């Protein structure tokens, strides 16, 4: 093999026989695409870790299921905190290095902004002798640790969404006023496949309903809201239920990274907001649903 041929091989040291690098890059097409895919998973994994942390710190939290289900919630809580800190710190360090090399401004320090910045610079990193052999391995390690920790710590079941019911809350003056429950509602998808009418209870307000009933109420609350802008998770649920297609928050962020869906602002927790109408129009186009609605 000549030096010229050898220089065209993928530089990521995970191959027995390194394949050819993608045109214009120092890594093979699979490693480049996989690094971008794993990057786009990190905001959802960080959100899962944050939800798991809230659950573990709740006085009513049962022991989490998973390979370490016998350990005390406090022990796993410290692991979740450490993994979140490592995730934020390593993304920030990677962004700082790329920004310095590229002479760009550093993005905001939230995971969503840092991931968006890195995805935009993914081709540059895959073609940089300094980054090409290491950035895929770094992102893969972050995603693996975050996914494993979130799985072991989170409560059982698949997340449906925040409870849309209102509950009476007593104010300081003794009067009660309605307040959104907002507790994450989860369901067992395998039990639902066997029995679509099984009852799902909100762990916060104890309201019970079927999966269809819960989804209809959550979608109805979004439809009735005056705001036309949503964060990725509720937007994905709204589109999935309305269009009967499998759409998750990761797909919303993929559309954003590809320039197919624009961010229109930020909410109070600095999470990106997207326009409902624009997202629905793009989803219909992506899933080729225009003709079905005419």
Protein backbone atom coordinates (compact mmCIF):
# COMPACT_ATOMS: atom_id res chain seq x y z
CA UNK A 1 0.00 0.00 0.00
CA UNK A 2 1.38 3.40 -0.96
CA UNK A 3 1.57 6.39 1.35
CA UNK A 4 -1.09 8.11 -0.74
CA UNK A 5 -3.43 5.12 -0.46
CA UNK A 6 -2.79 4.80 3.27
CA UNK A 7 -3.64 8.47 3.82
CA UNK A 8 -7.10 7.82 2.35
CA UNK A 9 -7.98 5.21 4.99
CA UNK A 10 -10.29 5.99 7.92
CA UNK A 11 -8.19 7.21 10.87
CA UNK A 12 -10.60 6.09 13.62
CA UNK A 13 -8.78 3.18 15.34
CA UNK A 14 -11.75 0.78 15.59
CA UNK A 15 -11.35 -1.13 12.30
CA UNK A 16 -9.56 -4.42 11.76
CA UNK A 17 -9.09 -3.31 8.16
CA UNK A 18 -9.69 0.45 7.86
CA UNK A 19 -12.05 1.31 4.99
CA UNK A 20 -11.54 4.25 2.69
CA UNK A 21 -12.32 7.65 4.14
CA UNK A 22 -15.24 9.63 2.77
CA UNK A 23 -14.35 12.16 0.02
CA UNK A 24 -12.82 15.24 1.61
CA UNK A 25 -12.71 13.67 5.10
CA UNK A 26 -10.23 11.66 7.15
CA UNK A 27 -12.87 9.22 8.45
CA UNK A 28 -15.14 6.73 6.71
CA UNK A 29 -18.75 7.70 5.92
CA UNK A 30 -20.13 5.45 8.69
CA UNK A 31 -18.04 6.99 11.48
CA UNK A 32 -18.86 10.53 10.36
CA UNK A 33 -22.61 9.85 10.15
CA UNK A 34 -22.59 7.93 13.44
CA UNK A 35 -20.78 10.75 15.26
CA UNK A 36 -23.41 13.24 14.08
CA UNK A 37 -26.25 10.85 15.04
CA UNK A 38 -24.81 10.38 18.54
CA UNK A 39 -24.36 14.12 18.95
CA UNK A 40 -28.04 14.67 18.16
CA UNK A 41 -28.97 12.14 20.86
CA UNK A 42 -27.19 14.05 23.63
CA UNK A 43 -29.86 16.74 24.31
CA UNK A 44 -32.50 14.02 24.81
CA UNK A 45 -30.16 11.99 27.00
CA UNK A 46 -29.38 15.07 29.10
CA UNK A 47 -33.12 15.70 29.51
CA UNK A 48 -33.58 12.03 30.53
CA UNK A 49 -30.84 12.42 33.13
CA UNK A 50 -32.45 15.57 34.51
CA UNK A 51 -35.86 13.86 34.78
CA UNK A 52 -34.24 10.86 36.44
CA UNK A 53 -32.53 13.14 38.95
CA UNK A 54 -35.84 14.83 39.86
CA UNK A 55 -37.45 11.42 40.24
CA UNK A 56 -34.68 10.07 42.48
CA UNK A 57 -34.78 13.14 44.71
CA UNK A 58 -38.55 12.86 45.18
CA UNK A 59 -39.50 11.51 48.65
CA UNK A 60 -42.06 9.24 46.98
CA UNK A 61 -39.58 7.81 44.47
CA UNK A 62 -39.50 3.99 44.39
CA UNK A 63 -36.25 2.18 43.77
CA UNK A 64 -35.30 2.43 40.08
CA UNK A 65 -35.29 -0.66 37.90
CA UNK A 66 -32.22 -1.86 36.01
CA UNK A 67 -28.98 -3.68 36.58
CA UNK A 68 -28.36 -1.73 39.79
CA UNK A 69 -31.92 -1.67 41.08
CA UNK A 70 -30.87 -2.84 44.55
CA UNK A 71 -28.77 0.25 45.21
CA UNK A 72 -30.15 3.20 47.16
CA UNK A 73 -31.56 6.03 45.02
CA UNK A 74 -29.09 8.45 46.63
CA UNK A 75 -26.14 6.46 45.29
CA UNK A 76 -27.50 6.43 41.75
CA UNK A 77 -28.45 10.11 42.10
CA UNK A 78 -24.80 10.99 42.62
CA UNK A 79 -23.91 9.02 39.49
CA UNK A 80 -26.54 10.89 37.45
CA UNK A 81 -25.20 14.23 38.68
CA UNK A 82 -21.62 13.26 37.83
CA UNK A 83 -22.53 12.04 34.33
CA UNK A 84 -24.45 15.26 33.60
CA UNK A 85 -21.50 17.34 34.77
CA UNK A 86 -19.09 15.33 32.61
CA UNK A 87 -21.42 15.62 29.61
CA UNK A 88 -21.63 19.43 29.93
CA UNK A 89 -17.91 19.85 30.67
CA UNK A 90 -16.66 17.73 27.76
CA UNK A 91 -19.05 19.30 25.27
CA UNK A 92 -17.96 22.75 26.48
CA UNK A 93 -14.27 21.82 26.13
CA UNK A 94 -14.82 20.45 22.62
CA UNK A 95 -16.74 23.59 21.61
CA UNK A 96 -14.01 25.82 23.08
CA UNK A 97 -11.30 24.05 21.08
CA UNK A 98 -13.29 24.15 17.84
CA UNK A 99 -14.21 27.81 18.37
CA UNK A 100 -10.56 28.69 19.03
CA UNK A 101 -9.32 26.81 15.96
CA UNK A 102 -12.07 28.18 13.72
CA UNK A 103 -12.04 31.66 15.31
CA UNK A 104 -15.77 31.39 16.04
CA UNK A 105 -17.71 32.60 19.06
CA UNK A 106 -18.34 29.94 21.70
CA UNK A 107 -22.01 28.84 21.74
CA UNK A 108 -24.23 29.09 24.80
CA UNK A 109 -23.37 26.53 27.46
CA UNK A 110 -26.60 24.53 27.30
CA UNK A 111 -26.37 21.08 25.69
CA UNK A 112 -28.74 21.92 22.83
CA UNK A 113 -26.70 24.96 21.71
CA UNK A 114 -23.36 23.16 22.03
CA UNK A 115 -24.62 20.16 20.04
CA UNK A 116 -25.98 22.43 17.30
CA UNK A 117 -22.60 24.18 17.10
CA UNK A 118 -20.70 20.89 16.86
CA UNK A 119 -23.03 19.44 14.22
CA UNK A 120 -22.45 22.53 12.08
CA UNK A 121 -18.70 21.93 12.42
CA UNK A 122 -18.83 18.13 12.05
CA UNK A 123 -17.31 18.02 8.57
CA UNK A 124 -14.47 20.30 9.66
CA UNK A 125 -13.73 18.04 12.65
CA UNK A 126 -13.83 14.91 10.47
CA UNK A 127 -11.29 16.51 8.15
CA UNK A 128 -8.98 17.89 10.85
CA UNK A 129 -5.88 15.82 11.74
CA UNK A 130 -6.28 17.05 15.30
CA UNK A 131 -9.93 15.97 15.69
CA UNK A 132 -10.71 13.28 13.10
CA UNK A 133 -9.50 10.24 15.04
CA UNK A 134 -10.80 11.36 18.43
CA UNK A 135 -14.07 13.25 18.21
CA UNK A 136 -16.15 10.21 17.22
CA UNK A 137 -14.69 8.21 20.15
CA UNK A 138 -15.33 11.09 22.57
CA UNK A 139 -18.97 11.51 21.50
CA UNK A 140 -19.59 7.74 21.48
CA UNK A 141 -18.26 7.46 25.05
CA UNK A 142 -20.44 10.36 26.24
CA UNK A 143 -23.56 8.88 24.64
CA UNK A 144 -22.85 5.41 26.03
CA UNK A 145 -22.37 6.62 29.61
CA UNK A 146 -25.36 8.97 29.49
CA UNK A 147 -27.64 6.30 27.98
CA UNK A 148 -26.62 3.64 30.51
CA UNK A 149 -26.95 5.96 33.51
CA UNK A 150 -30.33 7.32 32.38
CA UNK A 151 -31.63 3.78 31.80
CA UNK A 152 -30.59 2.60 35.26
CA UNK A 153 -31.96 5.67 37.05
CA UNK A 154 -35.18 6.55 35.26
CA UNK A 155 -38.57 5.27 36.43
CA UNK A 156 -40.05 2.31 34.59
CA UNK A 157 -42.11 2.84 31.44
CA UNK A 158 -42.10 4.97 28.31
CA UNK A 159 -42.59 8.72 28.68
CA UNK A 160 -45.91 9.91 27.23
CA UNK A 161 -45.66 13.57 28.25
CA UNK A 162 -46.47 16.05 31.05
CA UNK A 163 -49.84 15.67 32.74
CA UNK A 164 -52.23 18.32 31.29
CA UNK A 165 -54.65 18.30 34.22
CA UNK A 166 -55.03 21.15 36.68
CA UNK A 167 -54.95 20.64 40.43
CA UNK A 168 -56.07 22.99 43.25
CA UNK A 169 -53.16 24.65 45.03
CA UNK A 170 -53.50 26.69 48.20
CA UNK A 171 -51.87 30.12 48.12
CA UNK A 172 -50.36 31.99 51.09
CA UNK A 173 -53.64 33.83 51.66
CA UNK A 174 -55.51 30.56 52.12
CA UNK A 175 -57.30 30.69 48.78
CA UNK A 176 -56.99 27.89 46.26
CA UNK A 177 -56.23 28.38 42.59
CA UNK A 178 -55.83 25.92 39.69
CA UNK A 179 -52.31 24.99 38.67
CA UNK A 180 -51.03 22.69 35.92
CA UNK A 181 -49.95 19.28 37.30
CA UNK A 182 -47.18 18.74 34.71
CA UNK A 183 -45.96 15.45 36.25
CA UNK A 184 -44.38 13.16 33.60
CA UNK A 185 -46.84 10.38 32.70
CA UNK A 186 -45.34 7.02 31.71
CA UNK A 187 -46.86 3.85 30.31
CA UNK A 188 -45.85 0.25 29.62
CA UNK A 189 -45.86 -0.07 25.82
CA UNK A 190 -45.75 -3.87 25.95
CA UNK A 191 -48.80 -4.01 28.20
CA UNK A 192 -50.50 -1.48 25.91
CA UNK A 193 -49.84 -3.75 22.88
CA UNK A 194 -51.62 -6.59 24.72
CA UNK A 195 -54.40 -4.36 26.07
CA UNK A 196 -54.83 -0.88 24.46
CA UNK A 197 -57.53 -0.02 27.03
CA UNK A 198 -55.41 -0.49 30.14
CA UNK A 199 -55.58 2.43 32.59
CA UNK A 200 -52.55 4.72 33.05
CA UNK A 201 -52.31 6.84 36.21
CA UNK A 202 -50.49 10.15 36.70
CA UNK A 203 -48.11 9.71 39.67
CA UNK A 204 -48.70 13.34 40.65
CA UNK A 205 -52.45 14.07 40.66
CA UNK A 206 -53.51 10.37 40.41
CA UNK A 207 -55.75 11.07 37.38
CA UNK A 208 -56.40 7.88 35.41
CA UNK A 209 -57.10 7.39 31.69
CA UNK A 210 -56.26 5.18 28.72
CA UNK A 211 -53.32 5.96 26.45
CA UNK A 212 -55.70 7.36 23.82
CA UNK A 213 -57.40 9.52 26.43
CA UNK A 214 -54.11 10.89 27.74
CA UNK A 215 -52.80 11.67 24.25
CA UNK A 216 -56.05 13.37 23.21
CA UNK A 217 -55.95 15.60 26.28
CA UNK A 218 -52.27 16.49 25.83
CA UNK A 219 -52.77 17.30 22.15
CA UNK A 220 -55.96 19.20 22.98
CA UNK A 221 -54.12 21.34 25.51
CA UNK A 222 -51.48 22.21 22.91
CA UNK A 223 -54.15 23.04 20.33
CA UNK A 224 -55.97 25.27 22.81
CA UNK A 225 -52.83 27.13 23.89
CA UNK A 226 -52.49 30.64 22.44
CA UNK A 227 -48.74 30.19 21.93
CA UNK A 228 -47.80 28.78 18.53
CA UNK A 229 -44.27 27.89 19.64
CA UNK A 230 -43.24 24.63 21.34
CA UNK A 231 -40.07 22.95 22.55
CA UNK A 232 -38.92 19.76 20.82
CA UNK A 233 -40.55 17.13 23.07
CA UNK A 234 -44.18 18.40 23.12
CA UNK A 235 -43.90 19.37 19.46
CA UNK A 236 -42.83 15.81 18.57
CA UNK A 237 -45.72 14.31 20.57
CA UNK A 238 -48.22 16.72 18.96
CA UNK A 239 -46.98 15.89 15.44
CA UNK A 240 -46.85 12.14 16.12
CA UNK A 241 -50.42 12.03 17.36
CA UNK A 242 -51.81 14.38 14.73
CA UNK A 243 -50.03 12.87 11.72
CA UNK A 244 -49.91 9.25 12.98
CA UNK A 245 -46.19 9.05 12.33
CA UNK A 246 -43.27 8.14 14.62
CA UNK A 247 -41.71 11.53 15.37
CA UNK A 248 -39.49 12.12 18.40
CA UNK A 249 -37.55 15.09 19.76
CA UNK A 250 -34.34 13.82 18.14
CA UNK A 251 -35.95 14.07 14.70
CA UNK A 252 -37.01 17.66 15.44
CA UNK A 253 -33.40 18.51 16.29
CA UNK A 254 -32.16 16.74 13.16
CA UNK A 255 -34.45 18.93 11.04
CA UNK A 256 -33.04 21.95 12.85
CA UNK A 257 -29.40 20.92 12.30
CA UNK A 258 -30.09 20.41 8.58
CA UNK A 259 -31.62 23.88 8.27
CA UNK A 260 -35.08 22.41 7.55
CA UNK A 261 -36.75 23.83 10.69
CA UNK A 262 -35.76 27.13 12.26
CA UNK A 263 -35.51 27.96 15.94
CA UNK A 264 -37.85 30.88 16.67
CA UNK A 265 -36.83 31.69 20.24
CA UNK A 266 -36.11 30.26 23.69
CA UNK A 267 -38.35 29.42 26.64
CA UNK A 268 -37.74 30.27 30.29
CA UNK A 269 -35.35 27.32 30.66
CA UNK A 270 -33.34 28.39 27.58
CA UNK A 271 -34.69 25.55 25.43
CA UNK A 272 -35.21 26.18 21.69
CA UNK A 273 -38.75 26.90 20.53
CA UNK A 274 -40.15 25.91 17.15
CA UNK A 275 -43.16 27.17 15.22
CA UNK A 276 -45.96 24.59 15.21
CA UNK A 277 -47.23 25.45 11.73
CA UNK A 278 -43.75 25.39 10.17
CA UNK A 279 -42.97 22.06 11.86
CA UNK A 280 -46.23 20.51 10.67
CA UNK A 281 -45.66 21.74 7.11
CA UNK A 282 -42.16 20.24 7.04
CA UNK A 283 -43.35 16.96 8.62
CA UNK A 284 -46.08 16.61 5.99
CA UNK A 285 -43.48 17.20 3.29
CA UNK A 286 -40.95 14.80 4.85
CA UNK A 287 -43.53 12.01 5.24
CA UNK A 288 -45.18 12.81 1.87
CA UNK A 289 -48.57 13.55 3.41
CA UNK A 290 -49.60 16.59 1.32
CA UNK A 291 -51.73 14.64 -1.10
CA UNK A 292 -53.59 12.84 1.67
CA UNK A 293 -54.93 16.11 3.08
CA UNK A 294 -56.04 17.73 -0.18
